[in-house]
Amino acid sequence: MNGTGKQTLLSDYEKVADNLDDLLKNFEKINFHPRDYYVDGEDAFNEAMKERGSHAIALNKFSLYLKTHLSHLNKQ
């Protein structure tokens, strides 16, 4: 068969999935406090929280995407 071999795909996806897991864990550890946003106005922290939440959702969706690919590859 043509195309990338199963072991290469598994290895590549596992590396990215592991790095993304580390990123998600470290993202949660970032200090995030309203006092860091007060100079930008009273709604700045709430807006920053919304943006941060959007990024967290996107990263978690990407994590699910990678895990789905890994699951399919492992079934082959």
Protein backbone atom coordinates (compact mmCIF):
# COMPACT_ATOMS: atom_id res chain seq x y z
CA MET A 1 0.00 0.00 0.00
CA ASN A 2 1.04 3.57 -0.60
CA GLY A 3 1.01 6.28 2.02
CA THR A 4 2.48 6.84 5.44
CA GLY A 5 3.00 3.73 7.54
CA LYS A 6 0.87 3.04 10.61
CA GLN A 7 3.78 3.20 13.05
CA THR A 8 4.94 6.56 11.70
CA LEU A 9 1.43 7.99 11.96
CA LEU A 10 0.99 6.61 15.47
CA SER A 11 4.32 8.01 16.57
CA ASP A 12 3.65 11.43 15.03
CA TYR A 13 0.14 11.73 16.48
CA GLU A 14 1.25 10.46 19.90
CA LYS A 15 4.02 13.08 20.07
CA VAL A 16 1.62 15.90 19.26
CA ALA A 17 -1.05 14.54 21.64
CA ASP A 18 1.50 14.27 24.47
CA ASN A 19 2.76 17.81 23.83
CA LEU A 20 -0.79 19.12 23.73
CA ASP A 21 -1.57 17.41 27.05
CA ASP A 22 1.47 19.16 28.54
CA LEU A 23 0.34 22.47 27.05
CA LEU A 24 -3.15 22.08 28.54
CA LYS A 25 -1.74 21.27 31.98
CA ASN A 26 0.62 24.25 31.87
CA PHE A 27 -2.06 26.56 30.49
CA GLU A 28 -4.16 25.85 33.58
CA LYS A 29 -1.21 26.75 35.82
CA ILE A 30 -0.81 30.26 34.40
CA ASN A 31 -1.49 32.94 36.99
CA PHE A 32 -4.62 34.78 35.95
CA HIS A 33 -5.95 37.51 38.19
CA PRO A 34 -8.22 40.57 37.79
CA ARG A 35 -5.51 42.87 39.16
CA ASP A 36 -3.52 42.24 36.00
CA TYR A 37 -6.30 43.78 33.88
CA TYR A 38 -7.61 46.72 35.94
CA VAL A 39 -5.68 49.28 33.91
CA ASP A 40 -7.63 48.23 30.79
CA GLY A 41 -11.06 48.96 32.29
CA GLU A 42 -13.59 47.19 34.46
CA ASP A 43 -14.70 44.71 31.77
CA ALA A 44 -11.17 43.78 30.70
CA PHE A 45 -10.82 40.80 33.02
CA ASN A 46 -14.18 39.34 31.99
CA GLU A 47 -13.23 39.72 28.33
CA ALA A 48 -9.87 38.10 28.99
CA MET A 49 -11.63 35.21 30.77
CA LYS A 50 -13.92 34.70 27.77
CA GLU A 51 -10.97 34.71 25.38
CA ARG A 52 -9.00 32.34 27.59
CA GLY A 53 -12.03 30.04 27.74
CA SER A 54 -12.35 30.06 23.96
CA HIS A 55 -8.71 29.04 23.59
CA ALA A 56 -9.10 26.28 26.18
CA ILE A 57 -12.15 24.94 24.32
CA ALA A 58 -10.26 24.98 21.00
CA LEU A 59 -7.28 23.17 22.53
CA ASN A 60 -9.54 20.53 24.07
CA LYS A 61 -11.32 20.02 20.73
CA PHE A 62 -7.95 19.55 19.05
CA SER A 63 -6.99 17.07 21.76
CA LEU A 64 -10.17 15.08 21.04
CA TYR A 65 -9.38 15.21 17.32
CA LEU A 66 -5.92 13.74 17.93
CA LYS A 67 -7.24 11.05 20.28
CA THR A 68 -9.88 10.08 17.73
CA HIS A 69 -7.19 9.67 15.06
CA LEU A 70 -5.09 7.59 17.43
CA SER A 71 -8.07 5.40 18.25
CA HIS A 72 -8.74 4.77 14.56
CA LEU A 73 -5.10 4.05 13.86
CA ASN A 74 -4.94 1.58 16.75
CA LYS A 75 -7.94 -0.30 15.32
CA GLN A 76 -6.23 -0.83 11.96
